[in-house]
Protein backbone atom coordinates (compact mmCIF):
# COMPACT_ATOMS: atom_id res chain seq x y z
CA MET A 1 2.43 -13.67 15.56
CA ALA A 2 2.66 -11.06 18.19
CA GLU A 3 2.59 -7.23 17.03
CA PRO A 4 6.21 -5.97 16.61
CA PRO A 5 7.22 -2.82 18.47
CA VAL A 6 6.75 0.63 17.04
CA HIS A 7 9.77 2.38 15.78
CA HIS A 8 9.84 5.77 14.13
CA PHE A 9 11.46 7.76 11.39
CA PRO A 10 11.12 11.26 10.01
CA GLY A 11 9.12 11.97 6.91
CA ARG A 12 10.81 14.22 4.39
CA ASP A 13 9.21 17.40 6.10
CA GLY A 14 10.13 16.08 9.56
CA LEU A 15 6.77 14.56 10.39
CA GLU A 16 6.99 11.68 12.82
CA LEU A 17 6.02 8.50 11.08
CA ALA A 18 5.88 4.84 12.57
CA TYR A 19 7.00 1.36 11.14
CA ARG A 20 7.24 -2.11 12.83
CA GLU A 21 9.57 -4.95 11.66
CA THR A 22 9.05 -8.99 11.96
CA GLY A 23 11.45 -11.65 10.67
CA SER A 24 14.91 -11.39 9.64
CA GLY A 25 16.90 -11.66 6.53
CA ARG A 26 16.25 -10.11 3.04
CA PRO A 27 14.51 -6.73 3.65
CA VAL A 28 11.15 -6.28 2.01
CA VAL A 29 9.01 -3.11 2.44
CA LEU A 30 5.35 -3.63 2.34
CA LEU A 31 2.74 -0.52 2.19
CA HIS A 32 -0.97 -0.95 3.58
CA GLY A 33 -4.04 0.16 1.89
CA PHE A 34 -6.30 3.16 2.52
CA THR A 35 -7.63 3.44 6.05
CA SER A 36 -5.59 0.31 7.18
CA THR A 37 -2.24 -0.03 9.08
CA GLY A 38 0.95 -1.95 8.82
CA PRO A 39 0.00 -4.66 11.44
CA GLN A 40 -2.74 -5.96 8.96
CA TRP A 41 -0.06 -7.34 6.95
CA ILE A 42 0.78 -9.38 10.03
CA HIS A 43 -2.80 -10.17 11.24
CA HIS A 44 -4.51 -10.90 8.03
CA GLY A 45 -1.64 -10.56 5.24
CA PRO A 46 1.27 -12.37 3.91
CA ALA A 47 3.77 -10.73 6.46
CA ALA A 48 4.05 -13.55 8.74
CA VAL A 49 4.61 -16.09 5.69
CA LEU A 50 7.31 -13.74 4.63
CA ALA A 51 8.89 -13.82 7.71
CA GLU A 52 8.99 -17.50 8.10
CA HIS A 53 10.69 -17.64 4.79
CA GLY A 54 13.79 -15.53 5.50
CA TYR A 55 12.69 -12.00 5.00
CA ARG A 56 12.79 -9.00 7.19
CA VAL A 57 9.41 -7.45 6.68
CA ILE A 58 9.17 -3.74 6.91
CA LEU A 59 5.64 -2.36 7.83
CA PRO A 60 5.29 1.51 7.88
CA ASP A 61 2.15 2.91 8.82
CA LEU A 62 1.15 5.68 6.21
CA ARG A 63 0.86 9.28 6.99
CA GLY A 64 -2.56 9.87 8.60
CA HIS A 65 -2.86 6.27 9.47
CA GLY A 66 -2.32 4.02 12.49
CA ASP A 67 0.73 5.12 14.78
CA SER A 68 1.99 7.67 12.36
CA SER A 69 0.99 11.28 12.93
CA ARG A 70 -2.30 12.45 11.85
CA PRO A 71 -2.40 16.28 11.51
CA HIS A 72 -5.25 17.88 10.32
CA ASP A 73 -3.46 20.78 8.83
CA PRO A 74 -3.95 20.30 4.77
CA ALA A 75 -0.28 21.90 4.41
CA CYS A 76 0.96 18.38 5.76
CA TYR A 77 -0.60 16.39 2.78
CA PRO A 78 1.08 17.89 -0.38
CA PRO A 79 1.01 15.67 -3.53
CA ASP A 80 3.01 12.50 -3.54
CA ALA A 81 3.50 12.86 0.63
CA LEU A 82 2.89 9.38 0.80
CA VAL A 83 5.65 8.41 -1.90
CA ASP A 84 8.01 10.88 -0.32
CA ASP A 85 7.52 9.21 3.00
CA GLY A 86 8.27 5.85 1.38
CA LEU A 87 11.74 7.18 0.01
CA ALA A 88 12.62 8.69 3.20
CA LEU A 89 11.94 5.28 4.90
CA ILE A 90 14.14 3.59 2.60
CA ASP A 91 16.95 6.29 3.05
CA TRP A 92 16.59 6.18 6.90
CA LEU A 93 16.94 2.51 7.10
CA GLY A 94 19.74 2.64 4.58
CA LEU A 95 18.34 -0.21 2.29
CA GLU A 96 20.26 -0.70 -0.96
CA ASP A 97 19.25 -4.06 -2.00
CA TYR A 98 15.36 -4.72 -0.88
CA ASP A 99 12.08 -5.61 -2.13
CA LEU A 100 8.97 -3.31 -2.38
CA GLY A 101 5.29 -4.38 -2.23
CA GLY A 102 1.98 -2.69 -1.56
CA TYR A 103 -1.70 -3.51 -1.35
CA SER A 104 -4.50 -1.16 -2.84
CA LEU A 105 -3.56 2.30 -1.98
CA GLY A 106 -0.02 0.82 -1.16
CA GLY A 107 0.31 -0.60 -4.70
CA ARG A 108 -0.34 2.82 -6.21
CA ILE A 109 2.41 4.26 -3.84
CA VAL A 110 4.82 1.59 -4.81
CA LEU A 111 4.34 2.56 -8.45
CA ARG A 112 4.86 5.99 -7.78
CA MET A 113 7.94 5.36 -5.83
CA LEU A 114 9.17 3.12 -8.89
CA VAL A 115 8.67 6.06 -11.25
CA ARG A 116 10.25 8.50 -9.15
CA GLY A 117 13.25 6.71 -8.66
CA ALA A 118 13.27 3.99 -6.03
CA ARG A 119 15.24 0.81 -7.07
CA PRO A 120 14.18 -2.37 -5.47
CA ALA A 121 15.10 -5.48 -6.94
CA ARG A 122 11.56 -6.81 -7.12
CA ALA A 123 8.11 -5.24 -6.62
CA ILE A 124 4.84 -6.36 -5.74
CA VAL A 125 1.59 -4.20 -6.80
CA ALA A 126 -1.52 -6.03 -5.39
CA GLY A 127 -5.15 -5.08 -5.38
CA GLN A 128 -4.67 -2.39 -7.83
CA GLY A 129 -5.55 -1.55 -11.41
CA LEU A 130 -4.42 0.50 -14.27
CA ASP A 131 -7.55 3.02 -14.49
CA ALA A 132 -7.01 3.81 -10.78
CA ILE A 133 -3.45 4.77 -11.03
CA ASN A 134 -4.14 6.77 -14.00
CA THR A 135 -6.30 9.12 -12.26
CA VAL A 136 -6.75 11.04 -8.95
CA THR A 137 -10.48 10.89 -8.48
CA SER A 138 -11.39 7.14 -9.26
CA ARG A 139 -13.11 5.74 -6.59
CA THR A 140 -12.47 8.17 -3.97
CA GLY A 141 -15.96 9.84 -3.90
CA ARG A 142 -17.57 7.39 -1.73
CA TYR A 143 -14.49 7.64 0.66
CA ARG A 144 -14.44 11.19 0.83
CA ARG A 145 -18.24 11.20 1.31
CA VAL A 146 -18.14 8.80 4.25
CA LEU A 147 -15.14 10.58 5.90
CA SER A 148 -16.78 14.00 5.67
CA ALA A 149 -19.96 12.53 7.37
CA LEU A 150 -17.59 10.90 10.09
CA ALA A 151 -15.85 14.20 10.63
CA ASP A 152 -18.77 16.29 10.68
CA GLN A 153 -20.94 13.76 12.71
CA GLU A 154 -23.67 13.35 10.01
CA THR A 155 -25.89 10.61 9.82
CA ILE A 156 -25.27 7.83 7.63
CA ALA A 157 -28.04 5.78 6.09
CA PRO A 158 -28.30 2.23 8.25
CA GLY A 159 -27.72 -0.91 6.12
CA SER A 160 -25.87 0.97 3.36
CA PRO A 161 -22.36 0.54 1.83
CA GLU A 162 -21.40 3.87 3.27
CA GLU A 163 -22.35 2.54 6.76
CA GLU A 164 -20.07 -0.59 6.14
CA LEU A 165 -17.27 1.52 5.24
CA ALA A 166 -17.59 3.74 8.23
CA HIS A 167 -17.85 0.71 10.43
CA TRP A 168 -14.45 -0.39 9.06
CA ILE A 169 -12.83 3.00 9.48
CA ASN A 170 -13.94 3.21 13.07
CA GLN A 171 -12.98 -0.46 13.57
CA LEU A 172 -9.61 0.48 12.85
CA GLY A 173 -9.52 3.71 14.82
CA GLY A 174 -9.11 5.82 11.76
CA ASP A 175 -9.20 9.76 12.04
CA PRO A 176 -11.57 10.99 9.51
CA ARG A 177 -9.90 14.36 8.88
CA ALA A 178 -6.69 13.16 8.37
CA LEU A 179 -7.75 10.44 6.01
CA ARG A 180 -9.84 12.87 4.19
CA HIS A 181 -6.45 15.03 3.60
CA VAL A 182 -4.61 11.67 2.60
CA LEU A 183 -7.04 11.64 -0.42
CA ASP A 184 -5.77 14.97 -1.36
CA THR A 185 -2.07 13.58 -1.92
CA LEU A 186 -2.75 11.13 -4.69
CA VAL A 187 -1.03 11.80 -7.98
CA ALA A 188 -2.02 10.05 -11.47
CA THR A 189 0.64 7.87 -13.10
CA PRO A 190 0.06 7.82 -16.87
CA ASN A 191 1.20 4.69 -19.09
CA THR A 192 4.13 6.38 -20.21
CA ALA A 193 5.59 6.69 -17.04
CA LEU A 194 5.27 3.02 -16.38
CA ASP A 195 7.92 2.39 -19.21
CA GLN A 196 10.53 3.44 -16.43
CA VAL A 197 9.80 0.70 -14.41
CA THR A 198 12.73 -1.57 -14.57
CA ALA A 199 12.14 -4.16 -11.54
CA PRO A 200 10.24 -7.30 -12.17
CA THR A 201 6.83 -6.80 -10.54
CA LEU A 202 4.18 -8.97 -9.43
CA VAL A 203 0.50 -7.69 -9.98
CA ALA A 204 -1.73 -9.67 -8.29
CA VAL A 205 -5.71 -8.99 -7.81
CA GLY A 206 -8.47 -10.97 -6.37
CA ASN A 207 -10.85 -12.97 -8.84
CA GLN A 208 -14.05 -11.03 -7.55
CA ASP A 209 -12.26 -7.60 -7.00
CA ASN A 210 -14.47 -5.66 -9.47
CA SER A 211 -13.27 -2.42 -8.48
CA HIS A 212 -9.71 -3.07 -9.82
CA SER A 213 -10.75 -5.11 -12.98
CA THR A 214 -7.90 -3.57 -15.02
CA ALA A 215 -5.09 -5.30 -12.95
CA GLN A 216 -4.29 -7.51 -16.03
CA GLU A 217 -3.91 -4.41 -18.20
CA LEU A 218 -1.50 -2.84 -15.49
CA ALA A 219 0.51 -5.83 -15.71
CA ALA A 220 0.70 -5.68 -19.60
CA ALA A 221 1.72 -1.87 -19.28
CA LEU A 222 4.73 -2.75 -17.16
CA PRO A 223 8.00 -3.82 -18.91
CA ASP A 224 8.57 -7.09 -16.84
CA ALA A 225 5.67 -8.14 -14.86
CA ARG A 226 3.82 -11.37 -14.06
CA PHE A 227 -0.01 -11.23 -13.36
CA ALA A 228 -1.86 -13.45 -10.83
CA ARG A 229 -5.45 -13.91 -9.76
CA VAL A 230 -6.25 -15.20 -6.50
CA PRO A 231 -9.48 -16.17 -4.73
CA GLY A 232 -11.59 -13.21 -3.27
CA ASP A 233 -12.68 -9.49 -3.51
CA HIS A 234 -10.68 -6.64 -2.63
CA PHE A 235 -10.90 -7.35 1.14
CA THR A 236 -10.75 -10.91 1.05
CA ALA A 237 -8.04 -11.51 -1.41
CA PHE A 238 -5.67 -9.71 0.86
CA THR A 239 -6.15 -12.52 3.45
CA SER A 240 -6.17 -15.39 1.13
CA PRO A 241 -3.17 -18.16 1.31
CA GLU A 242 -3.09 -17.82 -2.36
CA LEU A 243 -1.89 -14.19 -2.39
CA ALA A 244 1.14 -15.30 0.09
CA ALA A 245 1.80 -18.17 -2.05
CA ALA A 246 1.82 -15.99 -5.21
CA VAL A 247 4.11 -13.58 -3.66
CA LEU A 248 6.69 -16.36 -2.31
CA ALA A 249 6.57 -17.88 -5.83
CA PHE A 250 7.16 -14.77 -7.71
CA LEU A 251 10.26 -13.96 -5.38
CA ASN A 252 11.58 -17.42 -5.61
CA ASP A 253 11.46 -17.23 -9.38
CA HIS A 254 13.08 -13.92 -9.40
CA PRO A 255 16.30 -14.29 -7.47
CA HIS A 256 17.34 -10.80 -6.50
CA ARG A 257 20.51 -9.11 -7.90
CA PRO A 258 21.78 -6.27 -6.03
CA THR A 259 20.87 -2.66 -7.75
CA SER A 260 23.02 -0.20 -9.00
């Protein structure tokens, strides 16, 4: 599938942000993971399958990522900035009856949007666990170290996991200074806040995704959730046909009703 053209919308603070659309029909907004971009949902994730099954798939690039603005000013990355951007996109597009999903960091943002008032008919949280959303520091240490090394042009040990992560960031054209600031926007979501989530939610995770082993506990903490385990680790589960199939099955099994 060819990459769709880039459109722009203003964040809550006026920062220019990017999004793409593919397919037509019922709108579903999908949020990508940290260091990734919206088009990854098309090239490697379930977006093409959803578009083929009657969905208008909306794919923003998060602040500091892809074709969205990547300022280096820390003031452009206040707490929950990515959540504010997601809510701004929904308002900008005038979406009222829609679905909302995310993978990894995108899943974390989805949950924050839900507890802050987003009202999609259905939600998808993939590649995310309960322990990660309960904290703001969990698993960000390695990212911060690698981003700092890239920003400051420091040597990264050859053959190390840090070198592999640095290669991934460079391959995607990531801006290490902007991405490091993105980490400062993260806000914890306590278990008590999850009680506010009324949308039926699919929680999906790779069967080898050891970094998000508490995904099943996340599903149990939500009032109306289905849990699915698909083949792969944190990266390969995103590309698996089984994830696309699990998302479609969930949407098919939960007919949407207009939200009030």
